[in-house]
N, C-alpha and C. Protein backbone atom coordinates (compact mmCIF):
# COMPACT_ATOMS: atom_id res chain seq x y z
N UNK A 1 20.31 -61.46 87.86
CA UNK A 1 20.08 -62.84 87.50
C UNK A 1 20.92 -63.14 86.26
N UNK A 2 21.72 -64.17 86.29
CA UNK A 2 22.58 -64.51 85.17
C UNK A 2 21.83 -65.09 84.00
N UNK A 3 22.46 -65.01 82.83
CA UNK A 3 21.83 -65.53 81.61
C UNK A 3 21.53 -67.02 81.71
N UNK A 4 22.49 -67.78 82.25
CA UNK A 4 22.30 -69.24 82.35
C UNK A 4 21.14 -69.55 83.28
N UNK A 5 21.06 -68.86 84.41
CA UNK A 5 19.98 -69.09 85.36
C UNK A 5 18.63 -68.77 84.72
N UNK A 6 18.56 -67.64 83.99
CA UNK A 6 17.31 -67.27 83.33
C UNK A 6 16.92 -68.31 82.29
N UNK A 7 17.91 -68.81 81.56
CA UNK A 7 17.63 -69.82 80.55
C UNK A 7 17.12 -71.10 81.19
N UNK A 8 17.73 -71.52 82.29
CA UNK A 8 17.29 -72.73 82.99
C UNK A 8 15.85 -72.55 83.49
N UNK A 9 15.54 -71.39 84.05
CA UNK A 9 14.18 -71.13 84.52
C UNK A 9 13.19 -71.18 83.37
N UNK A 10 13.56 -70.59 82.26
CA UNK A 10 12.67 -70.57 81.10
C UNK A 10 12.45 -71.98 80.56
N UNK A 11 13.50 -72.76 80.47
CA UNK A 11 13.37 -74.14 80.00
C UNK A 11 12.46 -74.94 80.93
N UNK A 12 12.62 -74.73 82.24
CA UNK A 12 11.78 -75.44 83.20
C UNK A 12 10.32 -75.07 83.03
N UNK A 13 10.04 -73.80 82.81
CA UNK A 13 8.66 -73.36 82.63
C UNK A 13 8.07 -73.93 81.35
N UNK A 14 8.83 -73.86 80.27
CA UNK A 14 8.35 -74.40 78.99
C UNK A 14 8.12 -75.89 79.11
N UNK A 15 9.03 -76.60 79.75
CA UNK A 15 8.88 -78.05 79.92
C UNK A 15 7.63 -78.37 80.72
N UNK A 16 7.38 -77.59 81.75
CA UNK A 16 6.20 -77.83 82.58
C UNK A 16 4.93 -77.69 81.76
N UNK A 17 4.83 -76.65 80.96
CA UNK A 17 3.62 -76.41 80.20
C UNK A 17 3.50 -77.32 78.98
N UNK A 18 4.60 -77.74 78.41
CA UNK A 18 4.52 -78.58 77.23
C UNK A 18 4.24 -80.03 77.58
N UNK A 19 4.43 -80.41 78.84
CA UNK A 19 4.24 -81.81 79.21
C UNK A 19 2.97 -82.02 80.03
N UNK A 20 2.05 -81.10 79.98
CA UNK A 20 0.83 -81.27 80.76
C UNK A 20 -0.38 -80.93 79.92
N UNK A 21 -1.53 -81.36 80.41
CA UNK A 21 -2.76 -80.96 79.74
C UNK A 21 -3.18 -79.59 80.26
N UNK A 22 -4.27 -79.08 79.77
CA UNK A 22 -4.68 -77.72 80.14
C UNK A 22 -4.93 -77.59 81.64
N UNK A 23 -5.33 -78.66 82.31
CA UNK A 23 -5.66 -78.55 83.72
C UNK A 23 -4.45 -78.21 84.58
N UNK A 24 -3.24 -78.58 84.19
CA UNK A 24 -2.08 -78.23 85.00
C UNK A 24 -1.48 -76.89 84.58
N UNK A 25 -2.04 -76.28 83.57
CA UNK A 25 -1.57 -74.95 83.14
C UNK A 25 -2.51 -73.87 83.65
N UNK A 26 -3.13 -74.13 84.80
CA UNK A 26 -3.99 -73.12 85.39
C UNK A 26 -3.47 -72.75 86.75
N UNK A 27 -3.93 -71.66 87.29
CA UNK A 27 -3.48 -71.22 88.61
C UNK A 27 -4.42 -71.69 89.71
N UNK A 28 -5.24 -72.66 89.44
CA UNK A 28 -6.15 -73.21 90.42
C UNK A 28 -7.51 -72.55 90.41
N UNK A 29 -7.69 -71.53 89.64
CA UNK A 29 -8.96 -70.82 89.56
C UNK A 29 -9.51 -70.85 88.15
N UNK A 30 -9.15 -71.87 87.40
CA UNK A 30 -9.59 -72.04 86.02
C UNK A 30 -9.12 -70.93 85.09
N UNK A 31 -8.08 -70.19 85.49
CA UNK A 31 -7.48 -69.19 84.62
C UNK A 31 -6.31 -69.83 83.90
N UNK A 32 -6.21 -69.60 82.63
CA UNK A 32 -5.10 -70.13 81.85
C UNK A 32 -3.83 -69.35 82.18
N UNK A 33 -2.73 -70.05 82.36
CA UNK A 33 -1.43 -69.44 82.61
C UNK A 33 -0.63 -69.54 81.32
N UNK A 34 -0.14 -68.41 80.84
CA UNK A 34 0.56 -68.38 79.56
C UNK A 34 1.95 -67.79 79.74
N UNK A 35 2.95 -68.45 79.15
CA UNK A 35 4.32 -67.93 79.12
C UNK A 35 4.60 -67.45 77.71
N UNK A 36 5.00 -66.20 77.59
CA UNK A 36 5.32 -65.61 76.28
C UNK A 36 6.80 -65.27 76.28
N UNK A 37 7.51 -65.75 75.28
CA UNK A 37 8.94 -65.51 75.17
C UNK A 37 9.17 -64.41 74.14
N UNK A 38 9.71 -63.30 74.59
CA UNK A 38 10.03 -62.19 73.71
C UNK A 38 9.15 -60.99 73.97
N UNK A 39 9.79 -59.87 74.30
CA UNK A 39 9.07 -58.65 74.62
C UNK A 39 9.10 -57.65 73.50
N UNK A 40 9.06 -58.14 72.26
CA UNK A 40 8.94 -57.24 71.12
C UNK A 40 7.48 -56.93 70.87
N UNK A 41 7.20 -56.33 69.74
CA UNK A 41 5.83 -55.93 69.42
C UNK A 41 4.87 -57.11 69.46
N UNK A 42 5.25 -58.23 68.86
CA UNK A 42 4.36 -59.39 68.83
C UNK A 42 4.16 -59.97 70.22
N UNK A 43 5.24 -60.10 71.00
CA UNK A 43 5.13 -60.65 72.34
C UNK A 43 4.30 -59.79 73.27
N UNK A 44 4.53 -58.48 73.22
CA UNK A 44 3.76 -57.57 74.07
C UNK A 44 2.30 -57.57 73.65
N UNK A 45 2.04 -57.58 72.36
CA UNK A 45 0.66 -57.61 71.87
C UNK A 45 -0.04 -58.88 72.32
N UNK A 46 0.65 -60.01 72.22
CA UNK A 46 0.07 -61.28 72.66
C UNK A 46 -0.19 -61.26 74.17
N UNK A 47 0.74 -60.69 74.93
CA UNK A 47 0.58 -60.62 76.39
C UNK A 47 -0.65 -59.78 76.75
N UNK A 48 -0.81 -58.66 76.09
CA UNK A 48 -1.97 -57.79 76.37
C UNK A 48 -3.27 -58.50 76.04
N UNK A 49 -3.32 -59.13 74.87
CA UNK A 49 -4.54 -59.84 74.46
C UNK A 49 -4.87 -60.97 75.43
N UNK A 50 -3.85 -61.75 75.82
CA UNK A 50 -4.07 -62.86 76.75
C UNK A 50 -4.53 -62.35 78.11
N UNK A 51 -3.91 -61.28 78.59
CA UNK A 51 -4.29 -60.70 79.88
C UNK A 51 -5.72 -60.18 79.84
N UNK A 52 -6.06 -59.48 78.77
CA UNK A 52 -7.41 -58.94 78.66
C UNK A 52 -8.46 -60.04 78.52
N UNK A 53 -8.03 -61.23 78.05
CA UNK A 53 -8.93 -62.37 77.95
C UNK A 53 -9.01 -63.14 79.27
N UNK A 54 -8.26 -62.68 80.28
CA UNK A 54 -8.36 -63.28 81.61
C UNK A 54 -7.24 -64.23 81.99
N UNK A 55 -6.23 -64.38 81.15
CA UNK A 55 -5.13 -65.29 81.45
C UNK A 55 -4.14 -64.64 82.40
N UNK A 56 -3.44 -65.49 83.16
CA UNK A 56 -2.28 -65.04 83.91
C UNK A 56 -1.11 -65.13 82.95
N UNK A 57 -0.36 -64.05 82.79
CA UNK A 57 0.65 -63.98 81.74
C UNK A 57 2.04 -63.76 82.35
N UNK A 58 3.00 -64.56 81.89
CA UNK A 58 4.41 -64.36 82.20
C UNK A 58 5.11 -64.02 80.91
N UNK A 59 5.72 -62.84 80.86
CA UNK A 59 6.42 -62.37 79.67
C UNK A 59 7.92 -62.41 79.94
N UNK A 60 8.67 -63.13 79.11
CA UNK A 60 10.10 -63.29 79.29
C UNK A 60 10.84 -62.55 78.19
N UNK A 61 11.79 -61.72 78.58
CA UNK A 61 12.59 -60.96 77.62
C UNK A 61 14.05 -61.04 78.06
N UNK A 62 14.95 -61.33 77.14
CA UNK A 62 16.37 -61.46 77.49
C UNK A 62 17.09 -60.12 77.60
N UNK A 63 16.54 -59.09 76.98
CA UNK A 63 17.18 -57.78 77.02
C UNK A 63 16.76 -57.02 78.28
N UNK A 64 17.48 -55.96 78.59
CA UNK A 64 17.13 -55.15 79.76
C UNK A 64 15.83 -54.38 79.58
N UNK A 65 15.51 -54.02 78.35
CA UNK A 65 14.31 -53.24 78.06
C UNK A 65 13.40 -54.01 77.12
N UNK A 66 12.12 -53.72 77.20
CA UNK A 66 11.17 -54.31 76.28
C UNK A 66 11.27 -53.61 74.93
N UNK A 67 10.78 -54.26 73.92
CA UNK A 67 10.74 -53.65 72.60
C UNK A 67 11.29 -54.53 71.50
N UNK A 68 12.29 -55.36 71.86
CA UNK A 68 12.86 -56.27 70.87
C UNK A 68 13.32 -55.57 69.62
N UNK A 69 13.25 -56.26 68.52
CA UNK A 69 13.67 -55.69 67.25
C UNK A 69 12.73 -54.57 66.81
N UNK A 70 11.50 -54.61 67.30
CA UNK A 70 10.54 -53.56 66.94
C UNK A 70 11.04 -52.19 67.40
N UNK A 71 11.67 -52.14 68.56
CA UNK A 71 12.20 -50.87 69.07
C UNK A 71 13.37 -50.38 68.23
N UNK A 72 14.13 -51.31 67.67
CA UNK A 72 15.29 -50.95 66.85
C UNK A 72 14.88 -50.57 65.43
N UNK A 73 13.72 -51.05 65.00
CA UNK A 73 13.31 -50.87 63.61
C UNK A 73 12.70 -49.50 63.34
N UNK A 74 12.52 -48.70 64.35
CA UNK A 74 11.93 -47.36 64.23
C UNK A 74 10.66 -47.37 63.38
N UNK A 75 9.84 -48.34 63.61
CA UNK A 75 8.54 -48.49 62.96
C UNK A 75 8.63 -48.74 61.47
N UNK A 76 9.78 -49.11 60.98
CA UNK A 76 9.91 -49.42 59.56
C UNK A 76 9.52 -50.85 59.27
N UNK A 77 9.09 -51.09 58.07
CA UNK A 77 8.78 -52.44 57.62
C UNK A 77 9.66 -52.71 56.41
N UNK A 78 10.47 -53.73 56.51
CA UNK A 78 11.39 -54.07 55.42
C UNK A 78 10.65 -54.79 54.31
N UNK A 79 11.09 -54.56 53.11
CA UNK A 79 10.50 -55.23 51.97
C UNK A 79 11.46 -55.22 50.79
N UNK A 80 11.16 -56.01 49.80
CA UNK A 80 12.01 -56.09 48.61
C UNK A 80 11.16 -55.97 47.36
N UNK A 81 11.72 -55.33 46.37
CA UNK A 81 11.08 -55.20 45.07
C UNK A 81 9.66 -54.64 45.23
N UNK A 82 9.57 -53.55 45.98
CA UNK A 82 8.27 -52.94 46.26
C UNK A 82 7.83 -52.02 45.13
N UNK A 83 6.57 -51.65 45.15
CA UNK A 83 6.02 -50.72 44.16
C UNK A 83 6.79 -49.39 44.19
N UNK A 84 7.08 -48.91 45.39
CA UNK A 84 7.79 -47.63 45.51
C UNK A 84 9.18 -47.74 44.91
N UNK A 85 9.89 -48.84 45.19
CA UNK A 85 11.22 -49.02 44.60
C UNK A 85 11.13 -49.06 43.08
N UNK A 86 10.19 -49.82 42.56
CA UNK A 86 10.06 -49.93 41.11
C UNK A 86 9.72 -48.58 40.49
N UNK A 87 8.85 -47.80 41.15
CA UNK A 87 8.46 -46.50 40.59
C UNK A 87 9.62 -45.51 40.59
N UNK A 88 10.62 -45.74 41.43
CA UNK A 88 11.79 -44.86 41.48
C UNK A 88 12.98 -45.44 40.73
N UNK A 89 12.76 -46.56 40.02
CA UNK A 89 13.82 -47.16 39.23
C UNK A 89 14.86 -47.90 40.04
N UNK A 90 14.51 -48.30 41.25
CA UNK A 90 15.45 -49.02 42.11
C UNK A 90 15.29 -50.52 41.86
N UNK A 91 16.39 -51.15 41.42
CA UNK A 91 16.37 -52.59 41.19
C UNK A 91 16.58 -53.32 42.52
N UNK A 92 15.69 -54.23 42.83
CA UNK A 92 15.79 -55.01 44.06
C UNK A 92 15.19 -56.38 43.80
N UNK A 93 15.46 -57.30 44.70
CA UNK A 93 14.91 -58.65 44.58
C UNK A 93 14.90 -59.30 45.95
N UNK A 94 14.17 -60.40 46.06
CA UNK A 94 14.15 -61.12 47.33
C UNK A 94 15.53 -61.70 47.64
N UNK A 95 16.29 -62.04 46.61
CA UNK A 95 17.64 -62.56 46.83
C UNK A 95 18.56 -61.49 47.43
N UNK A 96 18.50 -60.27 46.88
CA UNK A 96 19.30 -59.16 47.44
C UNK A 96 18.86 -58.84 48.87
N UNK A 97 17.56 -58.85 49.10
CA UNK A 97 17.02 -58.59 50.43
C UNK A 97 17.54 -59.63 51.43
N UNK A 98 17.47 -60.90 51.04
CA UNK A 98 17.96 -61.97 51.90
C UNK A 98 19.44 -61.79 52.19
N UNK A 99 20.23 -61.42 51.18
CA UNK A 99 21.65 -61.18 51.39
C UNK A 99 21.91 -60.03 52.36
N UNK A 100 21.12 -58.97 52.25
CA UNK A 100 21.26 -57.83 53.17
C UNK A 100 20.94 -58.25 54.60
N UNK A 101 19.89 -59.04 54.77
CA UNK A 101 19.51 -59.50 56.11
C UNK A 101 20.62 -60.35 56.71
N UNK A 102 21.15 -61.28 55.94
CA UNK A 102 22.23 -62.14 56.44
C UNK A 102 23.47 -61.33 56.77
N UNK A 103 23.78 -60.34 55.93
CA UNK A 103 24.94 -59.47 56.16
C UNK A 103 24.77 -58.68 57.44
N UNK A 104 23.56 -58.18 57.70
CA UNK A 104 23.33 -57.37 58.90
C UNK A 104 23.47 -58.19 60.16
N UNK A 105 23.37 -59.52 60.05
CA UNK A 105 23.55 -60.39 61.21
C UNK A 105 25.00 -60.61 61.59
N UNK A 106 25.92 -60.02 60.82
CA UNK A 106 27.33 -60.12 61.14
C UNK A 106 27.87 -61.54 61.19
N UNK A 107 27.33 -62.40 60.34
CA UNK A 107 27.82 -63.79 60.31
C UNK A 107 27.16 -64.68 61.37
N UNK A 108 26.22 -64.13 62.13
CA UNK A 108 25.56 -64.93 63.17
C UNK A 108 24.21 -65.47 62.70
N UNK A 109 23.79 -65.11 61.50
CA UNK A 109 22.48 -65.53 61.00
C UNK A 109 22.61 -66.80 60.18
N UNK A 110 21.60 -67.60 60.23
CA UNK A 110 21.55 -68.82 59.42
C UNK A 110 20.65 -68.57 58.23
N UNK A 111 21.08 -68.97 57.02
CA UNK A 111 20.22 -68.76 55.85
C UNK A 111 19.00 -69.66 55.88
C-alpha cells in the first residue's frame, strides 16, 4: 500500500469521526470505534486501554514495525539540567537541550 493511499485512507477515517456525533462512531452494537494514529509507546498503550474497555480499535502506523520513537530511544528519557548532571558538574540548560533536539532532526524539525 503506497504512502499516499494510506494517507488518503487515514484522512477519510479522521474526517468521518470528526464530523459525526458518538452514534456514528459505533459499529452498530454500541461499541465505540477508535482510530489511534501512531504505534509508539503512547499509541500502543492507548490502543490496549481502549480495547480492554470494550472499544473497537484501529491503530495506524506509518513505519513497517510498531514502536515509534520509543523503540529507538532504548527506554531512555531525555532531560536537561537534571540533578544527576548537576551532581557531576555537567552544565546544561533547556536552551541547549532544545538545540540538540533540533540538530538531531537534521533540519527537518520546527522550533
